[in-house]
């Protein structure tokens, strides 16, 4: 089943990131290169890894 991917304003998504269907990436979020995003990501945060995990909260 296909569901839309929603990417908030001001996000930075690194090279070779995989984002599964139905995921929402919050505004101002950074996703490190090579990460695999399997669930919704909080706004203004930094995520890395497989599966992507939060390593830092950004101001904003």
C-alpha atoms as a PDB file:
ATOM      1  CA  UNK A   1       0.000   0.000   0.000  1.00  0.00           C
ATOM      2  CA  UNK A   2       1.333   3.402  -0.959  1.00  0.00           C
ATOM      3  CA  UNK A   3       1.037   6.325   1.442  1.00  0.00           C
ATOM      4  CA  UNK A   4       2.476   9.830   0.977  1.00  0.00           C
ATOM      5  CA  UNK A   5       5.756  10.963   2.507  1.00  0.00           C
ATOM      6  CA  UNK A   6       5.500  14.424   4.093  1.00  0.00           C
ATOM      7  CA  UNK A   7       8.671  16.493   4.477  1.00  0.00           C
ATOM      8  CA  UNK A   8       8.413  19.709   6.506  1.00  0.00           C
ATOM      9  CA  UNK A   9       9.927  23.053   5.534  1.00  0.00           C
ATOM     10  CA  UNK A  10      13.634  23.571   6.129  1.00  0.00           C
ATOM     11  CA  UNK A  11      14.609  19.900   6.371  1.00  0.00           C
ATOM     12  CA  UNK A  12      18.006  18.607   5.299  1.00  0.00           C
ATOM     13  CA  UNK A  13      18.122  15.017   4.109  1.00  0.00           C
ATOM     14  CA  UNK A  14      21.542  13.489   3.466  1.00  0.00           C
ATOM     15  CA  UNK A  15      22.616  11.297   0.559  1.00  0.00           C
ATOM     16  CA  UNK A  16      21.300   7.713   0.240  1.00  0.00           C
ATOM     17  CA  UNK A  17      18.567   8.139   2.867  1.00  0.00           C
ATOM     18  CA  UNK A  18      15.680   5.675   2.603  1.00  0.00           C
ATOM     19  CA  UNK A  19      12.259   6.961   3.711  1.00  0.00           C
ATOM     20  CA  UNK A  20       9.418   4.449   3.995  1.00  0.00           C
ATOM     21  CA  UNK A  21       5.904   5.338   2.832  1.00  0.00           C
ATOM     22  CA  UNK A  22       3.566   7.101   5.239  1.00  0.00           C
ATOM     23  CA  UNK A  23       6.368   8.827   7.175  1.00  0.00           C
ATOM     24  CA  UNK A  24       6.207  12.499   8.203  1.00  0.00           C
ATOM     25  CA  UNK A  25       9.461  14.361   8.780  1.00  0.00           C
ATOM     26  CA  UNK A  26       8.938  17.384  11.000  1.00  0.00           C
ATOM     27  CA  UNK A  27       9.950  20.924  10.076  1.00  0.00           C
ATOM     28  CA  UNK A  28      13.661  21.769  10.356  1.00  0.00           C
ATOM     29  CA  UNK A  29      14.796  18.175  10.867  1.00  0.00           C
ATOM     30  CA  UNK A  30      18.194  16.861   9.756  1.00  0.00           C
ATOM     31  CA  UNK A  31      18.494  13.238   8.596  1.00  0.00           C
ATOM     32  CA  UNK A  32      22.066  11.973   8.313  1.00  0.00           C
ATOM     33  CA  UNK A  33      23.421  10.302   5.173  1.00  0.00           C
ATOM     34  CA  UNK A  34      22.568   6.624   4.776  1.00  0.00           C
ATOM     35  CA  UNK A  35      19.811   6.652   7.401  1.00  0.00           C
ATOM     36  CA  UNK A  36      16.651   4.570   7.104  1.00  0.00           C
ATOM     37  CA  UNK A  37      13.522   6.405   8.253  1.00  0.00           C
ATOM     38  CA  UNK A  38      10.803   3.947   9.331  1.00  0.00           C
ATOM     39  CA  UNK A  39       8.587   6.167  11.529  1.00  0.00           C
ATOM     40  CA  UNK A  40       7.611   9.825  11.943  1.00  0.00           C
ATOM     41  CA  UNK A  41      10.409  12.190  13.001  1.00  0.00           C
ATOM     42  CA  UNK A  42      10.041  15.097  15.448  1.00  0.00           C
ATOM     43  CA  UNK A  43      10.536  18.671  14.279  1.00  0.00           C
ATOM     44  CA  UNK A  44      13.872  20.472  14.811  1.00  0.00           C
ATOM     45  CA  UNK A  45      15.847  17.312  15.551  1.00  0.00           C
ATOM     46  CA  UNK A  46      18.836  15.380  14.207  1.00  0.00           C
ATOM     47  CA  UNK A  47      18.402  11.697  13.267  1.00  0.00           C
ATOM     48  CA  UNK A  48      20.965   9.120  12.108  1.00  0.00           C
ATOM     49  CA  UNK A  49      21.274   5.371  11.628  1.00  0.00           C
ATOM     50  CA  UNK A  50      19.317   2.312  10.615  1.00  0.00           C
ATOM     51  CA  UNK A  51      16.643   2.684  11.800  1.00  0.00           C
ATOM     52  CA  UNK A  52      16.996   6.451  12.192  1.00  0.00           C
ATOM     53  CA  UNK A  53      17.200   7.464  15.846  1.00  0.00           C
ATOM     54  CA  UNK A  54      17.178  10.903  17.441  1.00  0.00           C
ATOM     55  CA  UNK A  55      20.562  12.073  18.644  1.00  0.00           C
ATOM     56  CA  UNK A  56      19.917  15.759  19.244  1.00  0.00           C
ATOM     57  CA  UNK A  57      17.143  18.326  19.661  1.00  0.00           C
ATOM     58  CA  UNK A  58      17.770  21.594  17.789  1.00  0.00           C
ATOM     59  CA  UNK A  59      16.670  25.044  18.912  1.00  0.00           C
ATOM     60  CA  UNK A  60      13.767  26.515  17.046  1.00  0.00           C
END
